[in-house]
Amino acid sequence: MRLIPRALCGAARAAWRESFPLGGHAVARWFPGHMAKGLKKMQSSLKLVDCIIEVHDARISFGGCGVGFIKIIRHLEGEGLKNVIFTNCVNDENVKQIIPMVTELIGSSYRYHRGESLEYCIMVIGVPNVGKSSLINSLRRQHLRKGKATRVGGEPGITRAVMSRIQVCERPLMFLLDTPGVLAPRIESVETGLKLALCGTVLDHLVGEETLADYLLYTLNQHELFGYVQHYGLGEACDDIVSVLKRVAVKLGKTQKVKVLTGTGDVNVIQPNYPAAARDFLRTFRSGLLGPVMLDRDTLQSHPSAGAQGHRPAQTDP
């Protein structure tokens, strides 16, 4: 996507925020009962598993939903995990590498009590709405020429239980266990919670749609990603979320009638529907219409050694 020249930002750019005001925002917390039950079920199922696949959202692959999840599983299992594969995004190139990588990892590792089994069992883990079910369905299409085995949705919480084994390959005979998306019981910071919510991992209403839209606008401007200006025909970039949402609402016809009490009676006034405009702004970002956006870019820049994970599946054997 072509970037907007800096000249279009106007003189107002000098007054843009240098940091996002986190004061007054609470850390998003979402750890419903099905997550706690899911973690316990995953712990009890680990003895049946040869390998773990953790699916990452490429937009928050390092700071947002990185190794913290593995630490949760390690803590529950008590002995550490082996044969962990990280996939930063679910696409054809990554999916093609999964089966060969899993086969090589398992073949070079001690399988303990599963040593005599001719089939491989893989557990797929990750935060909510990250694409675990999409990965399983993609593997089935590639290796079995079969359709969907798991539901896929655009909001967190579609998968709520560890499912029965799902076959994804014939040679070698391989089954996958889908699991519910699980977050840490405590999200480390307000900003991490905002990033998770932007990617649909935390329910929007727990943070607030307009707050999320404001943080998204701030992030896009900080990274000089002005695709939203082109997408909505705004003319120039802007750092004021109220102004942006007003123009988005007017452009999309998202207005509402509001009764205003005056000295002569009630008067119907048409106002922009700010929540509806915020939802559209978030939906546009999540569907990729604003181009690739790395929310963890600053974190990655401070950890150069982590950059290699952004372009191909990585593996580790802790």
Protein backbone atom coordinates (compact mmCIF):
# COMPACT_ATOMS: atom_id res chain seq x y z
CA MET A 1 0.00 0.00 0.00
CA ARG A 2 1.37 3.42 -0.97
CA LEU A 3 2.09 5.63 2.01
CA ILE A 4 0.73 9.14 2.24
CA PRO A 5 3.49 11.76 1.74
CA ARG A 6 4.43 13.53 4.93
CA ALA A 7 3.23 16.83 3.47
CA LEU A 8 -0.35 15.59 3.72
CA CYS A 9 0.01 15.40 7.49
CA GLY A 10 -0.05 19.19 7.65
CA ALA A 11 1.20 21.47 10.35
CA ALA A 12 -0.95 19.66 12.90
CA ARG A 13 1.63 16.86 12.95
CA ALA A 14 3.78 18.91 15.31
CA ALA A 15 1.03 18.65 17.93
CA TRP A 16 0.56 14.89 17.62
CA ARG A 17 0.84 12.76 20.73
CA GLU A 18 4.29 11.39 21.49
CA SER A 19 2.81 8.70 23.73
CA PHE A 20 -0.63 7.21 24.26
CA PRO A 21 -2.27 8.38 27.49
CA LEU A 22 -2.68 5.15 29.46
CA GLY A 23 -3.75 6.90 32.66
CA GLY A 24 -7.32 6.12 33.58
CA HIS A 25 -7.37 2.88 31.58
CA ALA A 26 -7.51 -0.38 33.49
CA VAL A 27 -5.68 -3.49 32.33
CA ALA A 28 -8.05 -5.59 30.25
CA ARG A 29 -8.86 -8.82 32.08
CA TRP A 30 -10.63 -11.72 30.43
CA PHE A 31 -10.13 -15.17 31.91
CA PRO A 32 -13.57 -16.80 31.82
CA GLY A 33 -14.34 -20.24 33.19
CA HIS A 34 -13.80 -22.07 29.92
CA MET A 35 -10.19 -20.83 29.83
CA ALA A 36 -9.43 -22.19 33.30
CA LYS A 37 -11.08 -25.50 32.42
CA GLY A 38 -9.23 -25.55 29.11
CA LEU A 39 -5.84 -25.14 30.79
CA LYS A 40 -6.56 -28.04 33.16
CA LYS A 41 -7.73 -30.23 30.28
CA MET A 42 -4.64 -29.33 28.26
CA GLN A 43 -2.43 -30.27 31.20
CA SER A 44 -4.06 -33.67 31.52
CA SER A 45 -3.78 -34.23 27.76
CA LEU A 46 -0.04 -33.49 27.54
CA LYS A 47 0.86 -37.12 28.20
CA LEU A 48 -0.86 -37.99 24.92
CA VAL A 49 1.01 -35.36 22.92
CA ASP A 50 4.23 -35.69 20.87
CA CYS A 51 4.52 -32.04 19.90
CA ILE A 52 3.01 -28.62 20.56
CA ILE A 53 2.25 -26.04 17.88
CA GLU A 54 1.78 -22.48 19.08
CA VAL A 55 0.05 -20.19 16.60
CA HIS A 56 0.97 -16.50 16.78
CA ASP A 57 -0.72 -13.41 15.42
CA ALA A 58 1.96 -11.77 13.25
CA ARG A 59 0.79 -8.32 14.39
CA ILE A 60 1.64 -9.05 18.05
CA SER A 61 3.85 -12.08 17.63
CA PHE A 62 6.56 -11.02 20.07
CA GLY A 63 5.26 -8.88 22.91
CA GLY A 64 1.52 -9.50 22.63
CA CYS A 65 1.18 -13.28 22.43
CA GLY A 66 4.71 -14.61 22.50
CA VAL A 67 6.49 -16.86 24.93
CA GLY A 68 4.18 -15.93 27.80
CA PHE A 69 1.73 -18.60 26.73
CA ILE A 70 4.43 -21.26 26.67
CA LYS A 71 5.38 -20.25 30.22
CA ILE A 72 1.80 -20.94 31.30
CA ILE A 73 1.90 -24.45 29.86
CA ARG A 74 5.36 -25.06 31.32
CA HIS A 75 4.11 -24.05 34.73
CA LEU A 76 1.12 -26.37 34.51
CA GLU A 77 3.08 -29.33 33.23
CA GLY A 78 5.86 -28.78 35.73
CA GLU A 79 8.57 -30.39 33.63
CA GLY A 80 8.92 -28.09 30.64
CA LEU A 81 7.80 -28.70 27.06
CA LYS A 82 9.77 -30.05 24.15
CA ASN A 83 9.23 -29.89 20.41
CA VAL A 84 7.49 -26.53 20.19
CA ILE A 85 6.81 -24.98 16.80
CA PHE A 86 6.00 -21.30 16.42
CA THR A 87 4.09 -20.12 13.37
CA ASN A 88 3.83 -16.35 13.15
CA CYS A 89 0.94 -16.40 10.73
CA VAL A 90 -1.25 -18.96 9.04
CA ASN A 91 -0.45 -18.88 5.33
CA ASP A 92 0.27 -21.48 2.66
CA GLU A 93 4.04 -21.23 2.96
CA ASN A 94 4.01 -21.73 6.71
CA VAL A 95 1.43 -24.51 6.55
CA LYS A 96 3.52 -26.45 4.02
CA GLN A 97 6.41 -26.58 6.48
CA ILE A 98 4.43 -27.82 9.49
CA ILE A 99 4.18 -31.56 8.74
CA PRO A 100 7.85 -32.01 7.68
CA MET A 101 9.04 -30.00 10.67
CA VAL A 102 6.87 -31.92 13.13
CA THR A 103 7.99 -35.25 11.63
CA GLU A 104 11.65 -34.28 11.95
CA LEU A 105 11.27 -33.02 15.52
CA ILE A 106 9.45 -36.09 16.75
CA GLY A 107 11.81 -38.44 14.89
CA SER A 108 14.83 -36.89 16.61
CA SER A 109 13.30 -36.80 20.11
CA TYR A 110 12.68 -39.39 22.80
CA ARG A 111 8.96 -40.21 22.88
CA TYR A 112 8.86 -41.81 26.33
CA HIS A 113 5.71 -43.94 26.74
CA ARG A 114 4.60 -43.12 23.18
CA GLY A 115 7.67 -44.72 21.62
CA GLU A 116 5.76 -47.72 20.23
CA SER A 117 2.87 -45.71 18.80
CA LEU A 118 2.88 -45.36 15.02
CA GLU A 119 0.76 -42.22 15.05
CA TYR A 120 1.67 -38.69 16.03
CA CYS A 121 -0.52 -36.52 18.24
CA ILE A 122 -0.05 -32.74 18.13
CA MET A 123 -1.65 -30.10 20.36
CA VAL A 124 -2.38 -26.67 18.88
CA ILE A 125 -2.32 -23.77 21.33
CA GLY A 126 -2.53 -20.00 21.20
CA VAL A 127 -4.40 -16.96 22.42
CA PRO A 128 -8.08 -16.52 21.45
CA ASN A 129 -8.98 -15.77 17.83
CA VAL A 130 -5.40 -16.29 16.59
CA GLY A 131 -6.17 -18.84 13.89
CA LYS A 132 -5.70 -22.27 15.48
CA SER A 133 -8.80 -23.73 13.87
CA SER A 134 -7.84 -22.15 10.53
CA LEU A 135 -4.45 -23.88 10.73
CA ILE A 136 -6.06 -27.26 11.40
CA ASN A 137 -8.47 -26.82 8.50
CA SER A 138 -5.62 -25.73 6.20
CA LEU A 139 -3.59 -28.83 7.09
CA ARG A 140 -6.58 -31.05 6.35
CA ARG A 141 -7.10 -29.42 2.97
CA GLN A 142 -3.45 -29.75 2.02
CA HIS A 143 -2.82 -33.31 3.16
CA LEU A 144 -6.22 -35.02 3.18
CA ARG A 145 -8.14 -32.97 0.60
CA LYS A 146 -10.96 -32.67 3.12
CA GLY A 147 -13.02 -29.75 4.31
CA LYS A 148 -13.43 -27.98 7.61
CA ALA A 149 -13.24 -29.98 10.82
CA THR A 150 -13.47 -27.05 13.24
CA ARG A 151 -15.53 -23.88 13.44
CA VAL A 152 -13.80 -20.64 12.51
CA GLY A 153 -14.98 -17.27 13.76
CA GLY A 154 -13.96 -13.63 13.85
CA GLU A 155 -14.29 -13.25 17.59
CA PRO A 156 -12.62 -14.94 20.56
CA GLY A 157 -14.22 -17.91 22.25
CA ILE A 158 -15.34 -20.02 19.25
CA THR A 159 -13.44 -23.09 20.50
CA ARG A 160 -14.26 -23.68 24.16
CA ALA A 161 -13.04 -27.23 24.83
CA VAL A 162 -10.19 -29.54 23.95
CA MET A 163 -11.70 -31.45 21.05
CA SER A 164 -11.44 -35.03 19.94
CA ARG A 165 -8.44 -35.82 17.81
CA ILE A 166 -8.63 -34.47 14.28
CA GLN A 167 -6.69 -36.26 11.56
CA VAL A 168 -4.63 -33.93 9.38
CA CYS A 169 -2.24 -36.30 7.58
CA GLU A 170 -2.10 -39.92 6.40
CA ARG A 171 1.64 -40.39 5.95
CA PRO A 172 2.76 -40.04 8.62
CA LEU A 173 -0.48 -40.72 10.46
CA MET A 174 -0.98 -37.49 12.41
CA PHE A 175 -3.77 -36.14 14.60
CA LEU A 176 -4.20 -32.65 16.05
CA LEU A 177 -5.94 -31.55 19.22
CA ASP A 178 -7.67 -28.18 18.96
CA THR A 179 -7.79 -26.19 22.19
CA PRO A 180 -9.61 -23.12 23.47
CA GLY A 181 -7.77 -19.84 23.15
CA VAL A 182 -6.24 -18.97 26.50
CA LEU A 183 -4.82 -15.75 27.87
CA ALA A 184 -2.64 -15.27 30.91
CA PRO A 185 -4.79 -14.76 34.01
CA ARG A 186 -3.00 -11.42 34.35
CA ILE A 187 -2.14 -9.30 31.31
CA GLU A 188 1.15 -7.58 32.08
CA SER A 189 0.26 -4.00 31.12
CA VAL A 190 -2.49 -1.73 29.84
CA GLU A 191 -0.73 -1.36 26.48
CA THR A 192 -0.38 -5.13 26.03
CA GLY A 193 -4.09 -5.43 26.74
CA LEU A 194 -4.82 -2.78 24.09
CA LYS A 195 -2.74 -4.66 21.52
CA LEU A 196 -4.47 -7.95 22.31
CA ALA A 197 -7.87 -6.31 22.06
CA LEU A 198 -7.00 -4.63 18.74
CA CYS A 199 -6.31 -8.09 17.30
CA GLY A 200 -9.63 -9.43 18.56
CA THR A 201 -8.09 -11.51 21.33
CA VAL A 202 -9.93 -9.67 24.12
CA LEU A 203 -13.60 -8.79 23.72
CA ASP A 204 -13.97 -5.20 22.49
CA HIS A 205 -16.43 -4.09 25.14
CA LEU A 206 -13.97 -4.91 27.92
CA VAL A 207 -11.75 -2.11 26.67
CA GLY A 208 -14.16 0.11 24.77
CA GLU A 209 -14.45 0.41 21.00
CA GLU A 210 -13.65 4.11 20.89
CA THR A 211 -10.63 3.62 23.15
CA LEU A 212 -9.39 0.86 20.84
CA ALA A 213 -9.98 3.04 17.79
CA ASP A 214 -8.00 5.85 19.44
CA TYR A 215 -5.06 3.54 20.23
CA LEU A 216 -5.16 2.21 16.67
CA LEU A 217 -5.08 5.75 15.25
CA TYR A 218 -2.16 6.64 17.53
CA THR A 219 -0.23 3.52 16.47
CA LEU A 220 -0.82 4.05 12.76
CA ASN A 221 0.36 7.65 12.98
CA GLN A 222 3.42 6.74 15.04
CA HIS A 223 4.42 4.13 12.42
CA GLU A 224 3.59 6.55 9.59
CA LEU A 225 1.05 4.14 8.16
CA PHE A 226 -1.52 6.45 6.66
CA GLY A 227 -3.56 3.93 4.71
CA TYR A 228 -6.63 4.96 6.69
CA VAL A 229 -6.46 8.40 5.05
CA GLN A 230 -6.75 6.84 1.62
CA HIS A 231 -9.31 4.22 2.67
CA TYR A 232 -11.74 6.74 4.10
CA GLY A 233 -10.84 9.65 1.81
CA LEU A 234 -9.97 11.94 4.71
CA GLY A 235 -7.63 14.23 2.79
CA GLU A 236 -4.95 14.30 5.49
CA ALA A 237 -3.79 12.36 8.51
CA CYS A 238 -5.13 13.37 11.88
CA ASP A 239 -4.32 12.52 15.50
CA ASP A 240 -7.71 13.44 16.97
CA ILE A 241 -9.93 10.36 17.18
CA VAL A 242 -13.14 12.39 17.59
CA SER A 243 -12.44 14.27 14.37
CA VAL A 244 -11.52 11.06 12.51
CA LEU A 245 -14.58 9.12 13.71
CA LYS A 246 -16.85 12.04 12.84
CA ARG A 247 -15.57 12.11 9.26
CA VAL A 248 -15.75 8.30 9.00
CA ALA A 249 -19.33 8.32 10.27
CA VAL A 250 -20.40 11.02 7.83
CA LYS A 251 -18.70 9.32 4.90
CA LEU A 252 -20.30 5.94 5.68
CA GLY A 253 -23.69 7.43 6.53
CA LYS A 254 -23.47 6.18 10.10
CA THR A 255 -25.54 8.82 11.87
CA GLN A 256 -28.24 8.75 14.51
CA LYS A 257 -31.09 10.95 15.64
CA VAL A 258 -30.76 12.37 19.13
CA LYS A 259 -33.46 14.28 20.99
CA VAL A 260 -32.27 17.56 22.44
CA LEU A 261 -34.39 19.39 24.98
CA THR A 262 -34.70 23.11 24.20
CA GLY A 263 -36.78 25.97 25.52
CA THR A 264 -39.37 25.36 22.80
CA GLY A 265 -39.53 21.56 23.20
CA ASP A 266 -37.71 18.50 21.98
CA VAL A 267 -35.70 18.83 18.79
CA ASN A 268 -34.32 15.90 16.79
CA VAL A 269 -30.67 16.45 15.92
CA ILE A 270 -28.66 14.20 13.61
CA GLN A 271 -25.28 13.33 15.09
CA PRO A 272 -22.43 11.07 13.97
CA ASN A 273 -22.66 7.55 15.35
CA TYR A 274 -19.22 7.42 16.93
CA PRO A 275 -19.43 3.80 18.21
CA ALA A 276 -20.47 2.56 14.76
CA ALA A 277 -17.61 4.50 13.13
CA ALA A 278 -15.17 3.05 15.67
CA ARG A 279 -16.38 -0.48 14.92
CA ASP A 280 -15.87 0.08 11.20
CA PHE A 281 -12.37 1.47 11.81
CA LEU A 282 -11.46 -1.61 13.86
CA ARG A 283 -13.03 -3.98 11.34
CA THR A 284 -11.07 -2.36 8.52
CA PHE A 285 -7.80 -2.84 10.41
CA ARG A 286 -8.55 -6.45 11.36
CA SER A 287 -9.48 -7.40 7.80
CA GLY A 288 -6.12 -6.12 6.52
CA LEU A 289 -7.52 -3.26 4.44
CA LEU A 290 -5.09 -0.82 6.06
CA GLY A 291 -2.11 -2.93 5.03
CA PRO A 292 0.32 -4.89 7.22
CA VAL A 293 0.67 -3.38 10.68
CA MET A 294 3.15 -4.69 13.26
CA LEU A 295 1.91 -3.55 16.66
CA ASP A 296 5.04 -4.98 18.29
CA ARG A 297 7.44 -3.11 16.01
CA ASP A 298 8.99 -1.07 18.83
CA THR A 299 9.43 -4.21 20.93
CA LEU A 300 11.06 -6.06 18.06
CA GLN A 301 13.41 -3.17 17.35
CA SER A 302 14.65 -3.38 20.92
CA HIS A 303 15.18 -7.15 20.51
CA PRO A 304 16.95 -7.53 17.13
CA SER A 305 17.51 -11.26 17.61
CA ALA A 306 13.76 -11.80 17.50
CA GLY A 307 13.37 -10.36 14.02
CA ALA A 308 14.03 -13.63 12.26
CA GLN A 309 10.79 -15.11 13.59
CA GLY A 310 8.70 -12.64 11.63
CA HIS A 311 9.31 -14.25 8.23
CA ARG A 312 9.18 -17.99 8.71
CA PRO A 313 8.10 -20.60 11.25
CA ALA A 314 10.61 -20.94 14.05
CA GLN A 315 11.15 -23.86 16.35
CA THR A 316 12.59 -24.38 19.77
CA ASP A 317 13.38 -27.28 22.02
CA PRO A 318 13.49 -25.77 25.53
